[in-house]
Amino acid sequence: MKVLITGTSRGIGKAAAEYFIENGHTVIGIDRLEKSIESSLYTHFVCDIRNTDTLPDIDDVEILVNNAGTQNEDDIDINLKALIAVTEKYAIQPKIKSVLNIGSACAHTGSEFPEYCASKGGVIAYTKNVAYRIAEYGATCNSIDPGGVVTHLNDCVLNDPVLWEKVMNETPLKRWATPREIAEWIYFMTVTNGFCTGQNIIVDGGESINFHFIWKE
């Protein structure tokens, strides 16, 4: 299938692009950075998705993965407004099979930076809106909402042993996901799945179900 993924130069987006390529799909990537994937099945566009007038013309996208995002840098403009613009340009058309948005577990808990939480909360609502609209094409739209993932964006936590211990105390599975694990979820929800739609799937190692119950022993 023809797969368009935003934010493919590193992290989750790169892992997802590589996973689709391994499975024989044609992948088109959009990123502010230069390409980091070499494959005959991969085409790369350097573009800031906030600049909607410069988005490349790409016809007949079958799978759209809205992965590009940021933290504490125009969060609402990049994580939400640009995601909407990309989706409206490429996914609202009869050839679309699936849209998958990368949200965040914090959209369900509020436990992050204010504008980041707000941007990802908007993704949840927009996911449901798109799911309803593209259902007429037999297509699905969902979001994967990760907790901690081992990427460059989280180096400040990963490289601080004291902070890392505190984070692990809040994570029942005592680890974070790898980009490859999230890529597997992305593939499942877009290629394997054909009936689940309008849903927001939390993949966070149990962090959002953690609680502190204190009682007399």
N, C-alpha and C. Protein backbone atom coordinates (compact mmCIF):
# COMPACT_ATOMS: atom_id res chain seq x y z
N MET A 1 0.82 -1.20 0.00
CA MET A 1 0.00 0.00 0.00
C MET A 1 0.86 1.26 0.00
N LYS A 2 0.26 2.37 -0.32
CA LYS A 2 0.93 3.66 -0.35
C LYS A 2 0.76 4.33 1.00
N VAL A 3 1.86 4.46 1.73
CA VAL A 3 1.83 4.91 3.12
C VAL A 3 2.53 6.26 3.24
N LEU A 4 1.86 7.22 3.85
CA LEU A 4 2.45 8.52 4.12
C LEU A 4 2.64 8.67 5.63
N ILE A 5 3.85 8.98 6.06
CA ILE A 5 4.17 9.11 7.48
C ILE A 5 4.87 10.46 7.68
N THR A 6 4.43 11.22 8.66
CA THR A 6 5.12 12.47 8.99
C THR A 6 6.11 12.23 10.12
N GLY A 7 7.23 12.96 10.07
CA GLY A 7 8.24 12.83 11.12
C GLY A 7 9.02 11.54 11.03
N THR A 8 9.63 11.26 9.87
CA THR A 8 10.25 9.96 9.62
C THR A 8 11.77 9.93 9.78
N SER A 9 12.38 11.05 10.15
CA SER A 9 13.84 11.07 10.18
C SER A 9 14.44 10.42 11.43
N ARG A 10 13.62 10.26 12.47
CA ARG A 10 14.12 9.61 13.67
C ARG A 10 12.94 9.18 14.54
N GLY A 11 13.27 8.47 15.62
CA GLY A 11 12.25 8.08 16.59
C GLY A 11 11.18 7.14 16.07
N ILE A 12 9.97 7.34 16.55
CA ILE A 12 8.84 6.48 16.20
C ILE A 12 8.57 6.50 14.70
N GLY A 13 8.63 7.68 14.11
CA GLY A 13 8.34 7.79 12.68
C GLY A 13 9.29 7.01 11.82
N LYS A 14 10.58 7.07 12.15
CA LYS A 14 11.57 6.29 11.39
C LYS A 14 11.33 4.80 11.58
N ALA A 15 11.09 4.39 12.82
CA ALA A 15 10.83 2.96 13.08
C ALA A 15 9.60 2.47 12.33
N ALA A 16 8.56 3.30 12.28
CA ALA A 16 7.33 2.92 11.58
C ALA A 16 7.59 2.81 10.08
N ALA A 17 8.30 3.79 9.52
CA ALA A 17 8.61 3.74 8.08
C ALA A 17 9.39 2.48 7.74
N GLU A 18 10.39 2.17 8.54
CA GLU A 18 11.20 0.98 8.29
C GLU A 18 10.36 -0.30 8.39
N TYR A 19 9.42 -0.32 9.33
CA TYR A 19 8.58 -1.51 9.50
C TYR A 19 7.68 -1.72 8.29
N PHE A 20 7.09 -0.65 7.79
CA PHE A 20 6.25 -0.76 6.58
C PHE A 20 7.09 -1.19 5.39
N ILE A 21 8.28 -0.63 5.25
CA ILE A 21 9.16 -1.00 4.14
C ILE A 21 9.53 -2.48 4.22
N GLU A 22 9.85 -2.96 5.41
CA GLU A 22 10.18 -4.37 5.59
C GLU A 22 9.05 -5.28 5.13
N ASN A 23 7.83 -4.78 5.23
CA ASN A 23 6.67 -5.57 4.84
C ASN A 23 6.19 -5.25 3.43
N GLY A 24 7.04 -4.59 2.65
CA GLY A 24 6.80 -4.43 1.22
C GLY A 24 5.94 -3.25 0.80
N HIS A 25 5.68 -2.32 1.70
CA HIS A 25 4.84 -1.17 1.36
C HIS A 25 5.68 0.00 0.85
N THR A 26 5.09 0.81 0.01
CA THR A 26 5.71 2.04 -0.47
C THR A 26 5.48 3.13 0.56
N VAL A 27 6.55 3.77 1.01
CA VAL A 27 6.46 4.75 2.09
C VAL A 27 6.94 6.12 1.61
N ILE A 28 6.16 7.14 1.93
CA ILE A 28 6.54 8.53 1.68
C ILE A 28 6.68 9.21 3.03
N GLY A 29 7.81 9.84 3.27
CA GLY A 29 8.04 10.51 4.54
C GLY A 29 8.11 12.02 4.38
N ILE A 30 7.61 12.72 5.38
CA ILE A 30 7.72 14.18 5.45
C ILE A 30 8.37 14.52 6.78
N ASP A 31 9.42 15.35 6.73
CA ASP A 31 10.12 15.73 7.96
C ASP A 31 10.85 17.05 7.73
N ARG A 32 11.06 17.80 8.81
CA ARG A 32 11.87 19.02 8.71
C ARG A 32 13.33 18.68 8.46
N LEU A 33 13.75 17.48 8.87
CA LEU A 33 15.13 17.04 8.71
C LEU A 33 15.31 16.26 7.41
N GLU A 34 16.56 16.14 6.99
CA GLU A 34 16.88 15.34 5.82
C GLU A 34 16.59 13.87 6.09
N LYS A 35 16.48 13.09 5.04
CA LYS A 35 16.11 11.69 5.20
C LYS A 35 17.22 10.90 5.88
N SER A 36 16.80 9.86 6.60
CA SER A 36 17.75 8.97 7.26
C SER A 36 17.47 7.52 6.88
N ILE A 37 16.64 7.31 5.86
CA ILE A 37 16.27 5.97 5.40
C ILE A 37 16.66 5.85 3.93
N GLU A 38 17.37 4.77 3.60
CA GLU A 38 17.74 4.50 2.21
C GLU A 38 17.03 3.23 1.76
N SER A 39 16.09 3.38 0.85
CA SER A 39 15.35 2.23 0.32
C SER A 39 14.68 2.65 -0.98
N SER A 40 14.58 1.71 -1.91
CA SER A 40 13.88 1.98 -3.16
C SER A 40 12.39 2.17 -2.94
N LEU A 41 11.91 1.76 -1.77
CA LEU A 41 10.49 1.90 -1.45
C LEU A 41 10.19 3.19 -0.69
N TYR A 42 11.22 4.02 -0.51
CA TYR A 42 11.05 5.21 0.33
C TYR A 42 11.32 6.49 -0.45
N THR A 43 10.40 7.45 -0.31
CA THR A 43 10.55 8.80 -0.86
C THR A 43 10.44 9.80 0.28
N HIS A 44 11.32 10.80 0.27
CA HIS A 44 11.38 11.74 1.40
C HIS A 44 11.17 13.17 0.92
N PHE A 45 10.34 13.91 1.65
CA PHE A 45 10.15 15.34 1.42
C PHE A 45 10.58 16.11 2.66
N VAL A 46 11.43 17.10 2.48
CA VAL A 46 11.80 17.99 3.58
C VAL A 46 10.79 19.11 3.63
N CYS A 47 10.04 19.17 4.72
CA CYS A 47 8.95 20.13 4.83
C CYS A 47 8.54 20.29 6.29
N ASP A 48 8.27 21.50 6.70
CA ASP A 48 7.70 21.78 8.01
C ASP A 48 6.19 21.76 7.85
N ILE A 49 5.52 20.82 8.51
CA ILE A 49 4.09 20.64 8.28
C ILE A 49 3.26 21.82 8.76
N ARG A 50 3.87 22.73 9.51
CA ARG A 50 3.15 23.96 9.86
C ARG A 50 2.95 24.85 8.64
N ASN A 51 3.85 24.74 7.68
CA ASN A 51 3.77 25.54 6.47
C ASN A 51 2.90 24.80 5.45
N THR A 52 1.62 24.88 5.64
CA THR A 52 0.70 24.03 4.87
C THR A 52 0.76 24.31 3.37
N ASP A 53 1.16 25.52 2.99
CA ASP A 53 1.24 25.84 1.56
C ASP A 53 2.37 25.09 0.86
N THR A 54 3.32 24.58 1.64
CA THR A 54 4.46 23.87 1.05
C THR A 54 4.32 22.36 1.13
N LEU A 55 3.21 21.87 1.65
CA LEU A 55 3.02 20.41 1.70
C LEU A 55 3.02 19.86 0.28
N PRO A 56 3.75 18.78 0.03
CA PRO A 56 3.83 18.24 -1.33
C PRO A 56 2.50 17.65 -1.80
N ASP A 57 2.30 17.67 -3.09
CA ASP A 57 1.11 17.04 -3.66
C ASP A 57 1.35 15.55 -3.79
N ILE A 58 0.59 14.77 -3.07
CA ILE A 58 0.71 13.31 -3.08
C ILE A 58 -0.69 12.73 -3.27
N ASP A 59 -0.90 12.02 -4.35
CA ASP A 59 -2.22 11.50 -4.66
C ASP A 59 -2.40 10.09 -4.10
N ASP A 60 -3.65 9.76 -3.84
CA ASP A 60 -4.07 8.38 -3.56
C ASP A 60 -3.35 7.75 -2.37
N VAL A 61 -3.17 8.51 -1.30
CA VAL A 61 -2.61 7.95 -0.07
C VAL A 61 -3.60 6.93 0.50
N GLU A 62 -3.09 5.75 0.82
CA GLU A 62 -3.95 4.70 1.37
C GLU A 62 -3.86 4.61 2.90
N ILE A 63 -2.68 4.86 3.43
CA ILE A 63 -2.49 4.87 4.89
C ILE A 63 -1.77 6.17 5.25
N LEU A 64 -2.33 6.89 6.21
CA LEU A 64 -1.69 8.10 6.72
C LEU A 64 -1.36 7.90 8.19
N VAL A 65 -0.11 8.10 8.55
CA VAL A 65 0.32 8.04 9.94
C VAL A 65 0.80 9.44 10.34
N ASN A 66 0.03 10.10 11.19
CA ASN A 66 0.38 11.42 11.69
C ASN A 66 1.27 11.27 12.92
N ASN A 67 2.57 11.24 12.67
CA ASN A 67 3.52 11.02 13.76
C ASN A 67 4.26 12.28 14.19
N ALA A 68 4.49 13.21 13.28
CA ALA A 68 5.30 14.39 13.59
C ALA A 68 4.73 15.13 14.79
N GLY A 69 5.60 15.49 15.70
CA GLY A 69 5.15 16.19 16.90
C GLY A 69 6.32 16.79 17.64
N THR A 70 6.00 17.60 18.63
CA THR A 70 7.04 18.26 19.40
C THR A 70 6.56 18.46 20.83
N GLN A 71 7.43 18.95 21.66
CA GLN A 71 7.11 19.21 23.06
C GLN A 71 7.74 20.55 23.45
N ASN A 72 6.89 21.47 23.89
CA ASN A 72 7.34 22.82 24.27
C ASN A 72 7.90 23.61 23.09
N GLU A 73 7.32 23.40 21.92
CA GLU A 73 7.69 24.19 20.74
C GLU A 73 6.47 24.31 19.84
N ASP A 74 5.68 25.35 20.04
CA ASP A 74 4.46 25.52 19.24
C ASP A 74 3.63 24.24 19.24
N ASP A 75 3.41 23.67 20.43
CA ASP A 75 2.77 22.36 20.53
C ASP A 75 1.43 22.30 19.80
N ILE A 76 0.58 23.28 20.02
CA ILE A 76 -0.75 23.24 19.42
C ILE A 76 -0.65 23.40 17.90
N ASP A 77 0.24 24.28 17.44
CA ASP A 77 0.39 24.48 16.00
C ASP A 77 0.92 23.23 15.30
N ILE A 78 1.90 22.55 15.91
CA ILE A 78 2.50 21.37 15.28
C ILE A 78 1.69 20.11 15.55
N ASN A 79 1.42 19.85 16.82
CA ASN A 79 0.80 18.57 17.21
C ASN A 79 -0.67 18.46 16.82
N LEU A 80 -1.35 19.60 16.72
CA LEU A 80 -2.78 19.56 16.44
C LEU A 80 -3.16 20.24 15.12
N LYS A 81 -2.85 21.53 14.98
CA LYS A 81 -3.27 22.25 13.78
C LYS A 81 -2.63 21.67 12.51
N ALA A 82 -1.33 21.40 12.56
CA ALA A 82 -0.66 20.84 11.38
C ALA A 82 -1.14 19.43 11.10
N LEU A 83 -1.38 18.65 12.16
CA LEU A 83 -1.94 17.30 11.98
C LEU A 83 -3.28 17.36 11.27
N ILE A 84 -4.11 18.31 11.64
CA ILE A 84 -5.41 18.47 10.98
C ILE A 84 -5.21 18.83 9.51
N ALA A 85 -4.31 19.77 9.24
CA ALA A 85 -4.08 20.18 7.86
C ALA A 85 -3.59 19.03 6.99
N VAL A 86 -2.66 18.23 7.53
CA VAL A 86 -2.14 17.07 6.79
C VAL A 86 -3.26 16.07 6.50
N THR A 87 -4.07 15.81 7.50
CA THR A 87 -5.16 14.85 7.34
C THR A 87 -6.18 15.32 6.31
N GLU A 88 -6.55 16.58 6.40
CA GLU A 88 -7.54 17.11 5.47
C GLU A 88 -7.02 17.09 4.03
N LYS A 89 -5.72 17.28 3.85
CA LYS A 89 -5.14 17.30 2.50
C LYS A 89 -5.02 15.91 1.90
N TYR A 90 -4.62 14.93 2.70
CA TYR A 90 -4.26 13.63 2.14
C TYR A 90 -5.26 12.50 2.42
N ALA A 91 -6.06 12.62 3.46
CA ALA A 91 -6.82 11.44 3.90
C ALA A 91 -8.31 11.49 3.61
N ILE A 92 -8.86 12.65 3.37
CA ILE A 92 -10.30 12.73 3.15
C ILE A 92 -10.57 12.52 1.67
N GLN A 93 -10.44 11.28 1.24
CA GLN A 93 -10.59 10.92 -0.18
C GLN A 93 -10.84 9.41 -0.29
N PRO A 94 -11.45 8.98 -1.39
CA PRO A 94 -11.94 7.60 -1.49
C PRO A 94 -10.89 6.50 -1.43
N LYS A 95 -9.62 6.81 -1.73
CA LYS A 95 -8.59 5.77 -1.72
C LYS A 95 -8.08 5.45 -0.32
N ILE A 96 -8.39 6.28 0.64
CA ILE A 96 -7.85 6.09 2.00
C ILE A 96 -8.38 4.81 2.62
N LYS A 97 -7.49 4.10 3.30
CA LYS A 97 -7.85 2.86 4.00
C LYS A 97 -7.77 3.05 5.52
N SER A 98 -6.79 3.84 5.97
CA SER A 98 -6.63 3.99 7.41
C SER A 98 -5.84 5.26 7.73
N VAL A 99 -6.23 5.91 8.83
CA VAL A 99 -5.50 7.03 9.39
C VAL A 99 -5.15 6.66 10.83
N LEU A 100 -3.89 6.88 11.20
CA LEU A 100 -3.46 6.59 12.56
C LEU A 100 -2.73 7.81 13.10
N ASN A 101 -3.25 8.37 14.18
CA ASN A 101 -2.63 9.53 14.81
C ASN A 101 -1.81 9.09 16.02
N ILE A 102 -0.63 9.68 16.18
CA ILE A 102 0.16 9.41 17.37
C ILE A 102 -0.18 10.48 18.40
N GLY A 103 -0.89 10.06 19.43
CA GLY A 103 -1.29 10.96 20.50
C GLY A 103 -0.35 10.83 21.68
N SER A 104 -0.91 10.81 22.87
CA SER A 104 -0.11 10.65 24.08
C SER A 104 -1.00 10.21 25.22
N ALA A 105 -0.45 9.38 26.09
CA ALA A 105 -1.21 8.97 27.27
C ALA A 105 -1.59 10.17 28.12
N CYS A 106 -0.81 11.25 28.04
CA CYS A 106 -1.11 12.43 28.86
C CYS A 106 -2.42 13.08 28.45
N ALA A 107 -2.89 12.81 27.24
CA ALA A 107 -4.18 13.35 26.83
C ALA A 107 -5.32 12.78 27.66
N HIS A 108 -5.07 11.63 28.27
CA HIS A 108 -6.08 10.97 29.11
C HIS A 108 -5.92 11.32 30.58
N THR A 109 -4.71 11.77 30.95
CA THR A 109 -4.43 12.01 32.37
C THR A 109 -4.15 13.48 32.71
N GLY A 110 -3.72 14.25 31.72
CA GLY A 110 -3.34 15.64 31.96
C GLY A 110 -1.99 15.82 32.60
N SER A 111 -1.22 14.75 32.74
CA SER A 111 0.05 14.81 33.49
C SER A 111 1.23 15.11 32.57
N GLU A 112 1.21 16.29 31.97
CA GLU A 112 2.31 16.75 31.12
C GLU A 112 2.29 18.27 31.08
N PHE A 113 3.07 18.85 30.19
CA PHE A 113 3.08 20.29 30.03
C PHE A 113 1.73 20.76 29.49
N PRO A 114 1.23 21.93 29.91
CA PRO A 114 -0.13 22.35 29.59
C PRO A 114 -0.48 22.33 28.10
N GLU A 115 0.32 23.02 27.27
CA GLU A 115 -0.03 23.07 25.84
C GLU A 115 0.16 21.72 25.17
N TYR A 116 1.11 20.94 25.66
CA TYR A 116 1.30 19.60 25.10
C TYR A 116 0.07 18.74 25.38
N CYS A 117 -0.39 18.75 26.62
CA CYS A 117 -1.61 18.00 26.97
C CYS A 117 -2.79 18.46 26.13
N ALA A 118 -2.92 19.77 26.00
CA ALA A 118 -4.05 20.31 25.23
C ALA A 118 -3.99 19.89 23.77
N SER A 119 -2.78 19.91 23.21
CA SER A 119 -2.65 19.52 21.80
C SER A 119 -3.01 18.05 21.60
N LYS A 120 -2.56 17.20 22.50
CA LYS A 120 -2.83 15.77 22.37
C LYS A 120 -4.29 15.45 22.72
N GLY A 121 -4.88 16.22 23.62
CA GLY A 121 -6.31 16.06 23.88
C GLY A 121 -7.13 16.38 22.65
N GLY A 122 -6.71 17.40 21.91
CA GLY A 122 -7.37 17.73 20.66
C GLY A 122 -7.27 16.61 19.64
N VAL A 123 -6.14 15.91 19.64
CA VAL A 123 -5.96 14.79 18.71
C VAL A 123 -7.01 13.70 18.98
N ILE A 124 -7.31 13.46 20.26
CA ILE A 124 -8.33 12.46 20.60
C ILE A 124 -9.67 12.81 19.96
N ALA A 125 -10.09 14.07 20.12
CA ALA A 125 -11.38 14.48 19.58
C ALA A 125 -11.37 14.46 18.05
N TYR A 126 -10.28 14.94 17.46
CA TYR A 126 -10.19 14.98 16.00
C TYR A 126 -10.17 13.57 15.41
N THR A 127 -9.54 12.64 16.10
CA THR A 127 -9.53 11.24 15.64
C THR A 127 -10.95 10.72 15.46
N LYS A 128 -11.80 11.00 16.41
CA LYS A 128 -13.19 10.54 16.33
C LYS A 128 -13.94 11.24 15.19
N ASN A 129 -13.64 12.52 15.00
CA ASN A 129 -14.25 13.26 13.91
C ASN A 129 -13.89 12.66 12.55
N VAL A 130 -12.61 12.37 12.35
CA VAL A 130 -12.16 11.81 11.08
C VAL A 130 -12.71 10.39 10.89
N ALA A 131 -12.74 9.62 11.96
CA ALA A 131 -13.26 8.25 11.87
C ALA A 131 -14.68 8.25 11.31
N TYR A 132 -15.49 9.15 11.79
CA TYR A 132 -16.88 9.23 11.32
C TYR A 132 -16.93 9.64 9.85
N ARG A 133 -16.08 10.57 9.46
CA ARG A 133 -16.14 11.12 8.11
C ARG A 133 -15.60 10.16 7.05
N ILE A 134 -14.57 9.37 7.38
CA ILE A 134 -14.01 8.47 6.36
C ILE A 134 -14.63 7.09 6.41
N ALA A 135 -15.55 6.88 7.32
CA ALA A 135 -16.23 5.58 7.38
C ALA A 135 -16.96 5.29 6.07
N GLU A 136 -17.39 6.32 5.37
CA GLU A 136 -18.10 6.11 4.10
C GLU A 136 -17.20 5.45 3.06
N TYR A 137 -15.87 5.55 3.24
CA TYR A 137 -14.94 4.89 2.33
C TYR A 137 -14.54 3.50 2.83
N GLY A 138 -15.13 3.08 3.95
CA GLY A 138 -14.75 1.80 4.56
C GLY A 138 -13.42 1.90 5.28
N ALA A 139 -12.99 3.12 5.63
CA ALA A 139 -11.68 3.35 6.23
C ALA A 139 -11.80 3.56 7.73
N THR A 140 -10.68 3.33 8.42
CA THR A 140 -10.64 3.49 9.87
C THR A 140 -9.74 4.67 10.26
N CYS A 141 -9.99 5.21 11.43
CA CYS A 141 -9.12 6.24 12.02
C CYS A 141 -9.06 6.03 13.52
N ASN A 142 -7.87 5.86 14.02
CA ASN A 142 -7.65 5.66 15.46
C ASN A 142 -6.41 6.44 15.88
N SER A 143 -6.16 6.46 17.18
CA SER A 143 -4.89 7.00 17.66
C SER A 143 -4.22 5.98 18.57
N ILE A 144 -2.91 5.98 18.52
CA ILE A 144 -2.08 5.27 19.48
C ILE A 144 -1.53 6.33 20.42
N ASP A 145 -1.74 6.16 21.72
CA ASP A 145 -1.37 7.16 22.71
C ASP A 145 -0.30 6.61 23.64
N PRO A 146 0.98 6.75 23.25
CA PRO A 146 2.05 6.15 24.04
C PRO A 146 2.30 6.90 25.35
N GLY A 147 2.88 6.17 26.30
CA GLY A 147 3.50 6.79 27.46
C GLY A 147 4.95 7.04 27.12
N GLY A 148 5.86 6.62 27.98
CA GLY A 148 7.27 6.83 27.72
C GLY A 148 7.79 5.94 26.60
N VAL A 149 8.56 6.55 25.70
CA VAL A 149 9.19 5.81 24.60
C VAL A 149 10.67 6.21 24.57
N VAL A 150 11.53 5.26 24.31
CA VAL A 150 12.97 5.49 24.30
C VAL A 150 13.36 6.18 23.00
N THR A 151 13.27 7.52 22.98
CA THR A 151 13.66 8.31 21.82
C THR A 151 14.52 9.48 22.27
N HIS A 152 15.09 10.19 21.29
CA HIS A 152 15.97 11.32 21.59
C HIS A 152 15.25 12.41 22.36
N LEU A 153 13.94 12.54 22.17
CA LEU A 153 13.18 13.59 22.85
C LEU A 153 13.18 13.40 24.36
N ASN A 154 13.44 12.18 24.80
CA ASN A 154 13.39 11.86 26.22
C ASN A 154 14.77 11.64 26.83
N ASP A 155 15.82 12.09 26.15
CA ASP A 155 17.18 11.87 26.65
C ASP A 155 17.40 12.46 28.04
N CYS A 156 16.74 13.59 28.33
CA CYS A 156 16.96 14.23 29.63
C CYS A 156 16.49 13.34 30.78
N VAL A 157 15.52 12.47 30.50
CA VAL A 157 15.05 11.52 31.51
C VAL A 157 15.88 10.25 31.47
N LEU A 158 16.13 9.75 30.27
CA LEU A 158 16.84 8.49 30.11
C LEU A 158 18.26 8.56 30.67
N ASN A 159 18.86 9.75 30.63
CA ASN A 159 20.26 9.89 31.05
C ASN A 159 20.42 10.42 32.49
N ASP A 160 19.33 10.48 33.22
CA ASP A 160 19.37 10.94 34.60
C ASP A 160 18.92 9.80 35.51
N PRO A 161 19.86 9.08 36.16
CA PRO A 161 19.50 7.90 36.95
C PRO A 161 18.48 8.17 38.05
N VAL A 162 18.58 9.31 38.70
CA VAL A 162 17.63 9.62 39.78
C VAL A 162 16.23 9.84 39.22
N LEU A 163 16.16 10.63 38.17
CA LEU A 163 14.87 10.90 37.54
C LEU A 163 14.29 9.63 36.94
N TRP A 164 15.14 8.82 36.33
CA TRP A 164 14.69 7.57 35.72
C TRP A 164 14.07 6.64 36.77
N GLU A 165 14.69 6.57 37.93
CA GLU A 165 14.14 5.73 39.00
C GLU A 165 12.75 6.21 39.41
N LYS A 166 12.57 7.51 39.51
CA LYS A 166 11.26 8.06 39.86
C LYS A 166 10.22 7.71 38.80
N VAL A 167 10.61 7.80 37.54
CA VAL A 167 9.68 7.47 36.44
C VAL A 167 9.30 6.00 36.49
N MET A 168 10.29 5.15 36.73
CA MET A 168 10.01 3.71 36.78
C MET A 168 9.10 3.34 37.94
N ASN A 169 9.18 4.10 39.01
CA ASN A 169 8.28 3.86 40.15
C ASN A 169 6.83 4.14 39.81
N GLU A 170 6.61 4.92 38.74
CA GLU A 170 5.25 5.22 38.29
C GLU A 170 4.82 4.34 37.12
N THR A 171 5.67 3.42 36.69
CA THR A 171 5.40 2.60 35.52
C THR A 171 5.34 1.14 35.92
N PRO A 172 4.16 0.54 36.01
CA PRO A 172 4.04 -0.84 36.49
C PRO A 172 4.92 -1.85 35.76
N LEU A 173 5.09 -1.71 34.45
CA LEU A 173 5.92 -2.67 33.71
C LEU A 173 7.42 -2.39 33.85
N LYS A 174 7.77 -1.30 34.53
CA LYS A 174 9.16 -0.99 34.86
C LYS A 174 10.07 -0.82 33.63
N ARG A 175 9.51 -0.34 32.55
CA ARG A 175 10.31 -0.01 31.38
C ARG A 175 9.49 0.89 30.47
N TRP A 176 10.16 1.49 29.49
CA TRP A 176 9.47 2.24 28.45
C TRP A 176 9.46 1.44 27.16
N ALA A 177 8.58 1.83 26.26
CA ALA A 177 8.50 1.17 24.96
C ALA A 177 9.67 1.56 24.08
N THR A 178 10.02 0.69 23.17
CA THR A 178 10.97 1.04 22.12
C THR A 178 10.18 1.59 20.92
N PRO A 179 10.83 2.39 20.07
CA PRO A 179 10.15 2.84 18.86
C PRO A 179 9.63 1.69 18.01
N ARG A 180 10.36 0.59 18.00
CA ARG A 180 9.94 -0.58 17.22
C ARG A 180 8.61 -1.12 17.74
N GLU A 181 8.44 -1.16 19.05
CA GLU A 181 7.18 -1.64 19.62
C GLU A 181 6.01 -0.77 19.19
N ILE A 182 6.20 0.54 19.21
CA ILE A 182 5.13 1.44 18.78
C ILE A 182 4.88 1.27 17.29
N ALA A 183 5.93 1.04 16.51
CA ALA A 183 5.78 0.79 15.08
C ALA A 183 4.92 -0.44 14.82
N GLU A 184 5.10 -1.47 15.63
CA GLU A 184 4.29 -2.68 15.49
C GLU A 184 2.82 -2.38 15.75
N TRP A 185 2.54 -1.54 16.75
CA TRP A 185 1.16 -1.12 17.02
C TRP A 185 0.61 -0.32 15.84
N ILE A 186 1.42 0.57 15.29
CA ILE A 186 0.98 1.37 14.14
C ILE A 186 0.61 0.48 12.97
N TYR A 187 1.45 -0.50 12.70
CA TYR A 187 1.19 -1.42 11.58
C TYR A 187 -0.09 -2.22 11.82
N PHE A 188 -0.24 -2.72 13.03
CA PHE A 188 -1.43 -3.50 13.35
C PHE A 188 -2.70 -2.68 13.17
N MET A 189 -2.69 -1.45 13.67
CA MET A 189 -3.90 -0.63 13.64
C MET A 189 -4.24 -0.11 12.25
N THR A 190 -3.27 -0.10 11.34
CA THR A 190 -3.54 0.43 10.00
C THR A 190 -3.67 -0.65 8.93
N VAL A 191 -2.93 -1.73 9.08
CA VAL A 191 -2.94 -2.78 8.05
C VAL A 191 -3.79 -3.97 8.46
N THR A 192 -3.55 -4.49 9.66
CA THR A 192 -4.29 -5.67 10.13
C THR A 192 -5.71 -5.32 10.51
N ASN A 193 -5.87 -4.26 11.25
CA ASN A 193 -7.19 -3.84 11.72
C ASN A 193 -8.05 -3.30 10.58
N GLY A 194 -9.31 -3.72 10.57
CA GLY A 194 -10.24 -3.20 9.59
C GLY A 194 -11.59 -2.83 10.17
N PHE A 195 -11.76 -2.99 11.49
CA PHE A 195 -13.08 -2.77 12.06
C PHE A 195 -13.07 -1.84 13.27
N CYS A 196 -11.98 -1.78 14.00
CA CYS A 196 -11.86 -0.85 15.13
C CYS A 196 -11.63 0.55 14.58
N THR A 197 -12.49 1.49 14.95
CA THR A 197 -12.32 2.85 14.47
C THR A 197 -12.83 3.86 15.49
N GLY A 198 -12.26 5.05 15.46
CA GLY A 198 -12.65 6.10 16.39
C GLY A 198 -12.17 5.87 17.81
N GLN A 199 -11.13 5.05 17.98
CA GLN A 199 -10.67 4.69 19.31
C GLN A 199 -9.28 5.27 19.59
N ASN A 200 -8.99 5.42 20.86
CA ASN A 200 -7.71 6.00 21.31
C ASN A 200 -7.04 4.99 22.23
N ILE A 201 -6.02 4.32 21.73
CA ILE A 201 -5.42 3.17 22.39
C ILE A 201 -4.20 3.61 23.20
N ILE A 202 -4.27 3.46 24.53
CA ILE A 202 -3.16 3.84 25.39
C ILE A 202 -2.14 2.70 25.44
N VAL A 203 -0.89 3.03 25.14
CA VAL A 203 0.21 2.06 25.17
C VAL A 203 1.30 2.67 26.04
N ASP A 204 1.19 2.46 27.36
CA ASP A 204 2.06 3.21 28.28
C ASP A 204 2.66 2.38 29.41
N GLY A 205 2.67 1.06 29.25
CA GLY A 205 3.25 0.23 30.31
C GLY A 205 2.50 0.26 31.62
N GLY A 206 1.25 0.74 31.56
CA GLY A 206 0.41 0.78 32.75
C GLY A 206 0.51 2.06 33.56
N GLU A 207 1.26 3.05 33.06
CA GLU A 207 1.47 4.27 33.83
C GLU A 207 0.14 4.97 34.16
N SER A 208 -0.79 4.98 33.20
CA SER A 208 -2.04 5.71 33.41
C SER A 208 -3.01 4.99 34.33
N ILE A 209 -2.73 3.72 34.65
CA ILE A 209 -3.61 3.00 35.59
C ILE A 209 -2.97 2.89 36.97
N ASN A 210 -1.81 3.51 37.13
CA ASN A 210 -1.13 3.47 38.41
C ASN A 210 -1.88 4.31 39.44
N PHE A 211 -1.84 3.87 40.68
CA PHE A 211 -2.47 4.65 41.74
C PHE A 211 -1.73 4.38 43.04
N HIS A 212 -1.87 5.29 43.96
CA HIS A 212 -1.22 5.15 45.26
C HIS A 212 -2.32 5.03 46.33
N PHE A 213 -2.55 3.81 46.78
CA PHE A 213 -3.57 3.55 47.80
C PHE A 213 -2.88 3.42 49.15
N ILE A 214 -3.15 4.34 50.05
CA ILE A 214 -2.50 4.33 51.37
C ILE A 214 -3.53 4.01 52.42
N TRP A 215 -3.18 3.03 53.27
CA TRP A 215 -4.10 2.57 54.34
C TRP A 215 -3.28 2.04 55.49
N LYS A 216 -3.89 1.95 56.59
CA LYS A 216 -3.20 1.42 57.77
C LYS A 216 -2.91 -0.06 57.60
N GLU A 217 -1.69 -0.46 57.93
CA GLU A 217 -1.30 -1.86 57.77
C GLU A 217 -1.97 -2.72 58.84
